[in-house]
C-alpha atoms as a PDB file:
ATOM      1  CA  MET A   1      18.345   6.677 203.778  1.00  0.00           C
ATOM      2  CA  ARG A   2      15.946   8.949 205.693  1.00  0.00           C
ATOM      3  CA  LEU A   3      12.422   8.230 204.573  1.00  0.00           C
ATOM      4  CA  SER A   4      10.510  10.050 207.300  1.00  0.00           C
ATOM      5  CA  MET A   5       9.442  13.587 206.470  1.00  0.00           C
ATOM      6  CA  PRO A   6       9.658  16.238 209.218  1.00  0.00           C
ATOM      7  CA  LEU A   7       6.455  18.168 209.818  1.00  0.00           C
ATOM      8  CA  SER A   8       8.251  21.378 208.818  1.00  0.00           C
ATOM      9  CA  VAL A   9       9.055  20.152 205.290  1.00  0.00           C
ATOM     10  CA  HIS A  10       7.683  22.085 202.326  1.00  0.00           C
ATOM     11  CA  PRO A  11       7.541  20.192 198.994  1.00  0.00           C
ATOM     12  CA  LEU A  12       9.853  21.891 196.516  1.00  0.00           C
ATOM     13  CA  HIS A  13       9.335  22.376 192.829  1.00  0.00           C
ATOM     14  CA  ALA A  14      12.521  21.332 191.033  1.00  0.00           C
ATOM     15  CA  GLN A  15      13.897  21.251 187.507  1.00  0.00           C
ATOM     16  CA  ILE A  16      15.388  17.810 186.923  1.00  0.00           C
ATOM     17  CA  ALA A  17      17.374  16.785 183.858  1.00  0.00           C
ATOM     18  CA  GLY A  18      19.822  14.079 182.848  1.00  0.00           C
ATOM     19  CA  THR A  19      20.644  10.743 184.442  1.00  0.00           C
ATOM     20  CA  GLY A  20      23.398   9.234 186.551  1.00  0.00           C
ATOM     21  CA  SER A  21      25.110  10.687 189.609  1.00  0.00           C
ATOM     22  CA  THR A  22      23.395  13.714 191.053  1.00  0.00           C
ATOM     23  CA  MET A  23      24.391  17.369 191.153  1.00  0.00           C
ATOM     24  CA  LEU A  24      22.142  19.485 193.369  1.00  0.00           C
ATOM     25  CA  CYS A  25      22.166  23.125 192.172  1.00  0.00           C
ATOM     26  CA  LEU A  26      21.097  25.733 194.735  1.00  0.00           C
ATOM     27  CA  HIS A  27      20.205  29.311 193.847  1.00  0.00           C
ATOM     28  CA  GLY A  28      20.691  32.489 195.836  1.00  0.00           C
ATOM     29  CA  HIS A  29      18.457  35.357 196.992  1.00  0.00           C
ATOM     30  CA  PRO A  30      16.549  36.443 195.022  1.00  0.00           C
ATOM     31  CA  GLY A  31      16.586  33.401 192.798  1.00  0.00           C
ATOM     32  CA  SER A  32      14.931  30.261 191.487  1.00  0.00           C
ATOM     33  CA  GLY A  33      15.953  26.947 190.013  1.00  0.00           C
ATOM     34  CA  ARG A  34      15.990  28.466 186.548  1.00  0.00           C
ATOM     35  CA  SER A  35      18.695  30.887 187.724  1.00  0.00           C
ATOM     36  CA  MET A  36      20.949  27.812 187.819  1.00  0.00           C
ATOM     37  CA  ASP A  37      20.341  26.834 184.178  1.00  0.00           C
ATOM     38  CA  VAL A  38      23.817  28.104 183.351  1.00  0.00           C
ATOM     39  CA  PHE A  39      25.122  25.116 185.333  1.00  0.00           C
ATOM     40  CA  SER A  40      22.307  22.550 185.320  1.00  0.00           C
ATOM     41  CA  GLY A  41      21.730  22.892 181.577  1.00  0.00           C
ATOM     42  CA  TYR A  42      25.401  22.124 180.969  1.00  0.00           C
ATOM     43  CA  PHE A  43      26.108  19.380 183.479  1.00  0.00           C
ATOM     44  CA  CYS A  44      22.908  17.417 182.751  1.00  0.00           C
ATOM     45  CA  ASP A  45      24.818  15.734 179.902  1.00  0.00           C
ATOM     46  CA  ARG A  46      26.782  13.814 182.580  1.00  0.00           C
ATOM     47  CA  PHE A  47      24.737  14.114 185.760  1.00  0.00           C
ATOM     48  CA  GLN A  48      21.195  14.107 186.972  1.00  0.00           C
ATOM     49  CA  THR A  49      20.895  17.787 187.819  1.00  0.00           C
ATOM     50  CA  ILE A  50      18.310  18.852 190.389  1.00  0.00           C
ATOM     51  CA  ALA A  51      17.688  22.597 190.568  1.00  0.00           C
ATOM     52  CA  PRO A  52      14.946  23.313 193.121  1.00  0.00           C
ATOM     53  CA  ASP A  53      13.056  26.486 193.832  1.00  0.00           C
ATOM     54  CA  LEU A  54      13.744  26.900 197.538  1.00  0.00           C
ATOM     55  CA  ARG A  55      10.855  27.497 199.906  1.00  0.00           C
ATOM     56  CA  GLY A  56       9.309  30.900 199.228  1.00  0.00           C
ATOM     57  CA  TYR A  57      10.982  31.232 195.823  1.00  0.00           C
ATOM     58  CA  GLY A  58       9.878  30.538 192.256  1.00  0.00           C
ATOM     59  CA  ARG A  59       7.166  27.880 192.155  1.00  0.00           C
ATOM     60  CA  SER A  60       7.725  26.745 195.764  1.00  0.00           C
ATOM     61  CA  GLN A  61       5.541  29.462 197.236  1.00  0.00           C
ATOM     62  CA  THR A  62       4.080  29.436 200.734  1.00  0.00           C
ATOM     63  CA  GLN A  63       2.008  31.844 202.796  1.00  0.00           C
ATOM     64  CA  GLN A  64       3.447  30.507 206.054  1.00  0.00           C
ATOM     65  CA  PRO A  65       6.435  32.140 207.763  1.00  0.00           C
ATOM     66  CA  PHE A  66       9.551  30.015 208.092  1.00  0.00           C
ATOM     67  CA  THR A  67      13.126  30.171 209.287  1.00  0.00           C
ATOM     68  CA  ILE A  68      16.230  29.923 207.145  1.00  0.00           C
ATOM     69  CA  THR A  69      17.203  26.534 208.596  1.00  0.00           C
ATOM     70  CA  GLN A  70      13.980  24.938 207.336  1.00  0.00           C
ATOM     71  CA  HIS A  71      15.436  25.071 203.822  1.00  0.00           C
ATOM     72  CA  LEU A  72      17.734  22.239 204.875  1.00  0.00           C
ATOM     73  CA  ASP A  73      14.810  20.002 205.879  1.00  0.00           C
ATOM     74  CA  ASP A  74      13.221  20.711 202.501  1.00  0.00           C
ATOM     75  CA  LEU A  75      16.400  19.796 200.632  1.00  0.00           C
ATOM     76  CA  VAL A  76      16.969  16.533 202.470  1.00  0.00           C
ATOM     77  CA  ALA A  77      13.333  15.585 201.846  1.00  0.00           C
ATOM     78  CA  LEU A  78      13.823  16.414 198.153  1.00  0.00           C
ATOM     79  CA  LEU A  79      16.840  14.107 197.967  1.00  0.00           C
ATOM     80  CA  ASP A  80      14.899  11.363 199.725  1.00  0.00           C
ATOM     81  CA  ARG A  81      11.966  11.772 197.365  1.00  0.00           C
ATOM     82  CA  HIS A  82      14.251  11.189 194.391  1.00  0.00           C
ATOM     83  CA  GLN A  83      16.166   8.395 196.172  1.00  0.00           C
ATOM     84  CA  VAL A  84      19.458  10.294 196.123  1.00  0.00           C
ATOM     85  CA  GLN A  85      21.784   9.067 198.835  1.00  0.00           C
ATOM     86  CA  ARG A  86      24.814  11.262 198.035  1.00  0.00           C
ATOM     87  CA  THR A  87      25.248  14.248 195.768  1.00  0.00           C
ATOM     88  CA  ILE A  88      27.624  16.945 194.638  1.00  0.00           C
ATOM     89  CA  VAL A  89      26.175  20.264 195.793  1.00  0.00           C
ATOM     90  CA  LEU A  90      26.721  23.374 193.684  1.00  0.00           C
ATOM     91  CA  GLY A  91      25.615  26.550 195.437  1.00  0.00           C
ATOM     92  CA  TRP A  92      25.664  30.164 194.314  1.00  0.00           C
ATOM     93  CA  SER A  93      25.595  32.955 196.932  1.00  0.00           C
ATOM     94  CA  LEU A  94      22.977  32.002 199.567  1.00  0.00           C
ATOM     95  CA  GLY A  95      22.795  28.612 197.856  1.00  0.00           C
ATOM     96  CA  GLY A  96      26.469  28.153 198.688  1.00  0.00           C
ATOM     97  CA  ILE A  97      25.730  28.763 202.365  1.00  0.00           C
ATOM     98  CA  PHE A  98      23.074  26.044 202.216  1.00  0.00           C
ATOM     99  CA  ALA A  99      25.604  23.766 200.503  1.00  0.00           C
ATOM    100  CA  LEU A 100      28.011  24.269 203.418  1.00  0.00           C
ATOM    101  CA  GLU A 101      25.224  23.691 205.942  1.00  0.00           C
ATOM    102  CA  LEU A 102      24.211  20.446 204.235  1.00  0.00           C
ATOM    103  CA  ALA A 103      27.826  19.260 204.391  1.00  0.00           C
ATOM    104  CA  LEU A 104      27.999  20.118 208.101  1.00  0.00           C
ATOM    105  CA  ARG A 105      24.653  18.692 209.166  1.00  0.00           C
ATOM    106  CA  TYR A 106      24.307  15.783 206.736  1.00  0.00           C
ATOM    107  CA  PRO A 107      27.889  14.862 205.767  1.00  0.00           C
ATOM    108  CA  GLU A 108      26.824  11.415 204.573  1.00  0.00           C
ATOM    109  CA  ARG A 109      24.669  13.050 201.871  1.00  0.00           C
ATOM    110  CA  VAL A 110      27.339  15.320 200.346  1.00  0.00           C
ATOM    111  CA  SER A 111      30.201  14.001 198.192  1.00  0.00           C
ATOM    112  CA  GLY A 112      31.670  17.313 197.070  1.00  0.00           C
ATOM    113  CA  LEU A 113      31.062  21.073 197.126  1.00  0.00           C
ATOM    114  CA  ILE A 114      31.175  23.637 194.324  1.00  0.00           C
ATOM    115  CA  LEU A 115      30.819  27.084 195.888  1.00  0.00           C
ATOM    116  CA  VAL A 116      30.229  30.221 193.828  1.00  0.00           C
ATOM    117  CA  ALA A 117      30.361  33.772 195.243  1.00  0.00           C
ATOM    118  CA  THR A 118      29.630  32.642 198.783  1.00  0.00           C
ATOM    119  CA  ALA A 119      31.186  32.407 202.243  1.00  0.00           C
ATOM    120  CA  ALA A 120      30.774  30.815 205.654  1.00  0.00           C
ATOM    121  CA  ARG A 121      31.092  34.315 207.154  1.00  0.00           C
ATOM    122  CA  PRO A 122      29.639  36.514 204.422  1.00  0.00           C
ATOM    123  CA  TRP A 123      30.342  40.204 204.298  1.00  0.00           C
ATOM    124  CA  GLY A 124      30.490  42.801 201.551  1.00  0.00           C
ATOM    125  CA  ASP A 125      31.097  46.469 200.888  1.00  0.00           C
ATOM    126  CA  HIS A 126      28.025  47.442 198.898  1.00  0.00           C
ATOM    127  CA  PRO A 127      27.654  51.252 198.883  1.00  0.00           C
ATOM    128  CA  ARG A 128      24.571  52.880 200.309  1.00  0.00           C
ATOM    129  CA  ILE A 129      21.648  52.745 197.881  1.00  0.00           C
ATOM    130  CA  ARG A 130      20.241  56.122 196.918  1.00  0.00           C
ATOM    131  CA  LEU A 131      16.874  57.051 195.390  1.00  0.00           C
ATOM    132  CA  ARG A 132      18.643  57.829 192.111  1.00  0.00           C
ATOM    133  CA  ASP A 133      20.101  54.304 192.070  1.00  0.00           C
ATOM    134  CA  ASN A 134      16.648  52.761 192.413  1.00  0.00           C
ATOM    135  CA  LEU A 135      15.182  55.005 189.719  1.00  0.00           C
ATOM    136  CA  LEU A 136      17.946  54.232 187.224  1.00  0.00           C
ATOM    137  CA  THR A 137      17.720  50.517 188.017  1.00  0.00           C
ATOM    138  CA  GLY A 138      13.962  50.562 187.449  1.00  0.00           C
ATOM    139  CA  VAL A 139      14.392  52.238 184.071  1.00  0.00           C
ATOM    140  CA  ALA A 140      17.303  50.014 183.033  1.00  0.00           C
ATOM    141  CA  GLY A 141      15.532  46.860 184.175  1.00  0.00           C
ATOM    142  CA  GLY A 142      12.239  47.778 182.512  1.00  0.00           C
ATOM    143  CA  LEU A 143      13.840  48.611 179.174  1.00  0.00           C
ATOM    144  CA  ASN A 144      16.023  45.526 179.334  1.00  0.00           C
ATOM    145  CA  PHE A 145      12.989  43.329 180.000  1.00  0.00           C
ATOM    146  CA  ALA A 146      11.201  44.845 177.008  1.00  0.00           C
ATOM    147  CA  LYS A 147      14.284  44.720 174.753  1.00  0.00           C
ATOM    148  CA  PRO A 148      16.874  42.354 176.272  1.00  0.00           C
ATOM    149  CA  GLY A 149      20.502  43.236 175.664  1.00  0.00           C
ATOM    150  CA  TRP A 150      19.794  46.624 174.035  1.00  0.00           C
ATOM    151  CA  GLN A 151      23.219  48.270 173.996  1.00  0.00           C
ATOM    152  CA  TRP A 152      21.843  51.824 174.133  1.00  0.00           C
ATOM    153  CA  ASN A 153      19.987  51.016 177.347  1.00  0.00           C
ATOM    154  CA  ILE A 154      23.070  49.304 178.790  1.00  0.00           C
ATOM    155  CA  ASP A 155      25.293  52.318 178.085  1.00  0.00           C
ATOM    156  CA  THR A 156      22.714  54.964 179.026  1.00  0.00           C
ATOM    157  CA  PHE A 157      21.098  53.477 182.132  1.00  0.00           C
ATOM    158  CA  GLY A 158      22.520  50.029 182.944  1.00  0.00           C
ATOM    159  CA  ARG A 159      26.067  51.169 183.712  1.00  0.00           C
ATOM    160  CA  ARG A 160      24.721  53.904 186.026  1.00  0.00           C
ATOM    161  CA  SER A 161      22.198  51.676 187.821  1.00  0.00           C
ATOM    162  CA  LEU A 162      22.637  49.138 190.620  1.00  0.00           C
ATOM    163  CA  PHE A 163      23.587  46.645 187.929  1.00  0.00           C
ATOM    164  CA  ARG A 164      27.070  48.176 188.136  1.00  0.00           C
ATOM    165  CA  TYR A 165      27.499  46.423 191.499  1.00  0.00           C
ATOM    166  CA  LEU A 166      26.229  43.078 190.196  1.00  0.00           C
ATOM    167  CA  VAL A 167      28.225  42.791 186.975  1.00  0.00           C
ATOM    168  CA  GLN A 168      31.446  44.224 185.622  1.00  0.00           C
ATOM    169  CA  GLN A 169      30.955  43.158 182.020  1.00  0.00           C
ATOM    170  CA  HIS A 170      28.110  45.199 180.556  1.00  0.00           C
ATOM    171  CA  ARG A 171      27.562  43.080 177.458  1.00  0.00           C
ATOM    172  CA  PRO A 172      24.264  42.255 175.728  1.00  0.00           C
ATOM    173  CA  ASP A 173      24.523  38.546 176.563  1.00  0.00           C
ATOM    174  CA  VAL A 174      24.909  39.357 180.270  1.00  0.00           C
ATOM    175  CA  TYR A 175      21.868  41.623 180.164  1.00  0.00           C
ATOM    176  CA  ARG A 176      19.873  38.922 178.408  1.00  0.00           C
ATOM    177  CA  PHE A 177      20.493  36.718 181.446  1.00  0.00           C
ATOM    178  CA  LEU A 178      19.234  39.571 183.619  1.00  0.00           C
ATOM    179  CA  ALA A 179      16.078  39.899 181.512  1.00  0.00           C
ATOM    180  CA  ARG A 180      15.362  36.179 181.422  1.00  0.00           C
ATOM    181  CA  ASP A 181      16.218  35.060 184.953  1.00  0.00           C
ATOM    182  CA  ALA A 182      16.850  38.006 187.271  1.00  0.00           C
ATOM    183  CA  VAL A 183      13.456  39.663 186.740  1.00  0.00           C
ATOM    184  CA  TYR A 184      11.645  36.362 187.269  1.00  0.00           C
ATOM    185  CA  ALA A 185      13.740  35.674 190.383  1.00  0.00           C
ATOM    186  CA  TYR A 186      12.953  39.091 191.835  1.00  0.00           C
ATOM    187  CA  MET A 187       9.218  38.841 191.112  1.00  0.00           C
ATOM    188  CA  LYS A 188       8.982  35.286 192.492  1.00  0.00           C
ATOM    189  CA  THR A 189      10.882  35.868 195.746  1.00  0.00           C
ATOM    190  CA  SER A 190       8.262  36.088 198.475  1.00  0.00           C
ATOM    191  CA  ARG A 191       8.026  38.340 201.510  1.00  0.00           C
ATOM    192  CA  GLN A 192       8.373  35.218 203.641  1.00  0.00           C
ATOM    193  CA  ALA A 193      11.736  34.465 201.996  1.00  0.00           C
ATOM    194  CA  ASP A 194      12.863  38.061 202.525  1.00  0.00           C
ATOM    195  CA  ARG A 195      11.879  37.915 206.187  1.00  0.00           C
ATOM    196  CA  ALA A 196      13.597  34.577 206.808  1.00  0.00           C
ATOM    197  CA  LEU A 197      16.855  35.859 205.327  1.00  0.00           C
ATOM    198  CA  ASN A 198      16.717  39.213 207.102  1.00  0.00           C
ATOM    199  CA  GLN A 199      16.075  37.476 210.425  1.00  0.00           C
ATOM    200  CA  ALA A 200      19.145  35.288 209.896  1.00  0.00           C
ATOM    201  CA  ILE A 201      21.280  38.305 208.963  1.00  0.00           C
ATOM    202  CA  ARG A 202      20.237  40.155 212.127  1.00  0.00           C
ATOM    203  CA  GLN A 203      21.248  37.161 214.236  1.00  0.00           C
ATOM    204  CA  GLY A 204      24.672  37.054 212.600  1.00  0.00           C
ATOM    205  CA  TYR A 205      26.223  34.142 210.766  1.00  0.00           C
ATOM    206  CA  ASN A 206      29.724  32.748 211.102  1.00  0.00           C
ATOM    207  CA  ARG A 207      30.506  29.107 210.386  1.00  0.00           C
ATOM    208  CA  VAL A 208      34.193  29.572 209.620  1.00  0.00           C
ATOM    209  CA  PRO A 209      35.276  27.795 212.855  1.00  0.00           C
ATOM    210  CA  ASP A 210      33.222  24.769 211.753  1.00  0.00           C
ATOM    211  CA  MET A 211      34.705  24.449 208.269  1.00  0.00           C
ATOM    212  CA  ALA A 212      37.365  22.041 209.543  1.00  0.00           C
ATOM    213  CA  GLN A 213      34.594  19.452 209.953  1.00  0.00           C
ATOM    214  CA  ILE A 214      34.018  19.315 206.181  1.00  0.00           C
ATOM    215  CA  SER A 215      36.407  16.793 204.660  1.00  0.00           C
ATOM    216  CA  VAL A 216      34.961  16.375 201.159  1.00  0.00           C
ATOM    217  CA  PRO A 217      36.719  18.089 198.237  1.00  0.00           C
ATOM    218  CA  ALA A 218      35.514  21.619 197.580  1.00  0.00           C
ATOM    219  CA  LEU A 219      35.971  24.218 194.862  1.00  0.00           C
ATOM    220  CA  MET A 220      35.456  27.923 195.626  1.00  0.00           C
ATOM    221  CA  LEU A 221      34.919  30.324 192.708  1.00  0.00           C
ATOM    222  CA  MET A 222      34.800  34.043 193.466  1.00  0.00           C
ATOM    223  CA  ALA A 223      34.625  37.408 191.712  1.00  0.00           C
ATOM    224  CA  ALA A 224      37.300  40.053 192.130  1.00  0.00           C
ATOM    225  CA  HIS A 225      34.730  42.890 192.254  1.00  0.00           C
ATOM    226  CA  ASP A 226      31.975  41.219 194.268  1.00  0.00           C
ATOM    227  CA  ARG A 227      30.384  43.922 196.443  1.00  0.00           C
ATOM    228  CA  HIS A 228      27.744  41.587 197.936  1.00  0.00           C
ATOM    229  CA  ILE A 229      29.995  38.807 199.257  1.00  0.00           C
ATOM    230  CA  SER A 230      33.565  40.026 199.270  1.00  0.00           C
ATOM    231  CA  PRO A 231      36.223  37.814 197.657  1.00  0.00           C
ATOM    232  CA  ALA A 232      38.120  38.177 200.932  1.00  0.00           C
ATOM    233  CA  ALA A 233      35.204  36.480 202.695  1.00  0.00           C
ATOM    234  CA  SER A 234      35.216  33.687 200.105  1.00  0.00           C
ATOM    235  CA  ARG A 235      38.979  33.224 200.497  1.00  0.00           C
ATOM    236  CA  GLU A 236      38.610  33.022 204.276  1.00  0.00           C
ATOM    237  CA  THR A 237      36.163  30.148 203.829  1.00  0.00           C
ATOM    238  CA  ALA A 238      38.293  28.417 201.200  1.00  0.00           C
ATOM    239  CA  LYS A 239      41.344  28.518 203.461  1.00  0.00           C
ATOM    240  CA  ALA A 240      39.330  27.163 206.406  1.00  0.00           C
ATOM    241  CA  LEU A 241      38.109  24.167 204.389  1.00  0.00           C
ATOM    242  CA  PRO A 242      40.624  21.305 204.666  1.00  0.00           C
ATOM    243  CA  ASN A 243      40.341  20.175 201.045  1.00  0.00           C
ATOM    244  CA  CYS A 244      39.465  23.216 198.964  1.00  0.00           C
ATOM    245  CA  GLU A 245      40.783  24.711 195.733  1.00  0.00           C
ATOM    246  CA  TRP A 246      39.854  28.286 194.912  1.00  0.00           C
ATOM    247  CA  GLU A 247      40.106  30.772 192.086  1.00  0.00           C
ATOM    248  CA  CYS A 248      39.285  34.467 191.846  1.00  0.00           C
ATOM    249  CA  PHE A 249      38.188  35.787 188.452  1.00  0.00           C
ATOM    250  CA  ALA A 250      39.148  39.281 187.329  1.00  0.00           C
ATOM    251  CA  ASP A 251      36.663  41.763 185.859  1.00  0.00           C
ATOM    252  CA  THR A 252      33.637  40.006 187.376  1.00  0.00           C
ATOM    253  CA  ALA A 253      31.133  40.673 190.162  1.00  0.00           C
ATOM    254  CA  HIS A 254      28.476  38.758 192.090  1.00  0.00           C
ATOM    255  CA  LEU A 255      26.697  37.533 188.966  1.00  0.00           C
ATOM    256  CA  LEU A 256      29.874  36.025 187.497  1.00  0.00           C
ATOM    257  CA  PRO A 257      28.081  32.849 186.275  1.00  0.00           C
ATOM    258  CA  TRP A 258      26.278  35.080 183.790  1.00  0.00           C
ATOM    259  CA  GLU A 259      29.423  37.034 182.916  1.00  0.00           C
ATOM    260  CA  ILE A 260      31.858  34.168 182.300  1.00  0.00           C
ATOM    261  CA  PRO A 261      29.816  30.947 182.178  1.00  0.00           C
ATOM    262  CA  GLU A 262      32.247  29.096 179.903  1.00  0.00           C
ATOM    263  CA  GLN A 263      35.234  29.857 182.132  1.00  0.00           C
ATOM    264  CA  LEU A 264      33.454  28.718 185.274  1.00  0.00           C
ATOM    265  CA  ARG A 265      32.188  25.518 183.702  1.00  0.00           C
ATOM    266  CA  ALA A 266      35.650  24.729 182.322  1.00  0.00           C
ATOM    267  CA  ARG A 267      37.146  25.273 185.801  1.00  0.00           C
ATOM    268  CA  ILE A 268      34.551  22.966 187.341  1.00  0.00           C
ATOM    269  CA  ASP A 269      35.261  20.365 184.636  1.00  0.00           C
ATOM    270  CA  ARG A 270      38.965  20.381 185.548  1.00  0.00           C
ATOM    271  CA  TRP A 271      38.129  19.996 189.220  1.00  0.00           C
ATOM    272  CA  LEU A 272      35.814  17.061 188.521  1.00  0.00           C
ATOM    273  CA  VAL A 273      38.550  15.333 186.540  1.00  0.00           C
ATOM    274  CA  ALA A 274      41.050  15.902 189.353  1.00  0.00           C
ATOM    275  CA  HIS A 275      38.579  14.639 192.001  1.00  0.00           C
ATOM    276  CA  PRO A 276      36.670  11.663 190.589  1.00  0.00           C
ATOM    277  CA  GLU A 277      35.876  10.604 194.167  1.00  0.00           C
ATOM    278  CA  VAL A 278      33.243  13.369 194.389  1.00  0.00           C
ATOM    279  CA  ILE A 279      31.100  11.586 191.793  1.00  0.00           C
ATOM    280  CA  PRO A 280      28.961   9.165 193.814  1.00  0.00           C
ATOM    281  CA  MET A 281      28.094   5.755 192.450  1.00  0.00           C
ATOM    282  CA  THR A 282      24.523   5.542 191.190  1.00  0.00           C
END
């Protein structure tokens, strides 16, 4: 086990629950560990779930600039701190990219991958954002924060706002997730985190040719109407992984864990039963 801590490591705040084998739950951008409650709060009955706030997000704030790859140093140091030698990694969106990177760079630390709305060569088809979109999103988000899940607000503003590209199912329970976790995630995502991601995007990112190096079992879950990371991009990654199952869910978008949480968790449960080898010995 690596016990030395690189100078670039930033100590991460993490939500930890349960005991036994570990499941590391990685959020996207914007995001925080609490964004992963839909998974960590469920799987902590059988696993020790670790849901960190990545550097520059949530309660892991920093004033120092950093690069996107430094997240990996932070995560390995977090595993070392909690004496976790191997773990299942569940990543959503950008968190899924970090899950793939951990499996490539530290294969001895990763026993299995659960990938949600992500890709090794991410692309999307999000329409151009107009001033009207931002105004309607501000109104919808503000009213939803004040009165979560208010159907009038959903029908009047939510369906016409940028939320229409994030979710397909405009139900009160989905909007309650937005009020509880999405607003916090947006407010607690730092400029440093924005800059690190934008710098990586400008440089381009394509790890599809390297997916053949990942031999552990993987499960890819994608949304049929994802405009941020296209399901075609997710399928490309799933097909490039040597040992990957995948499923595309109809009538969902990028925030599918908040649209169909029970379906996703049931699909993950079936995968865990079919692949007991991904559960590392404690």
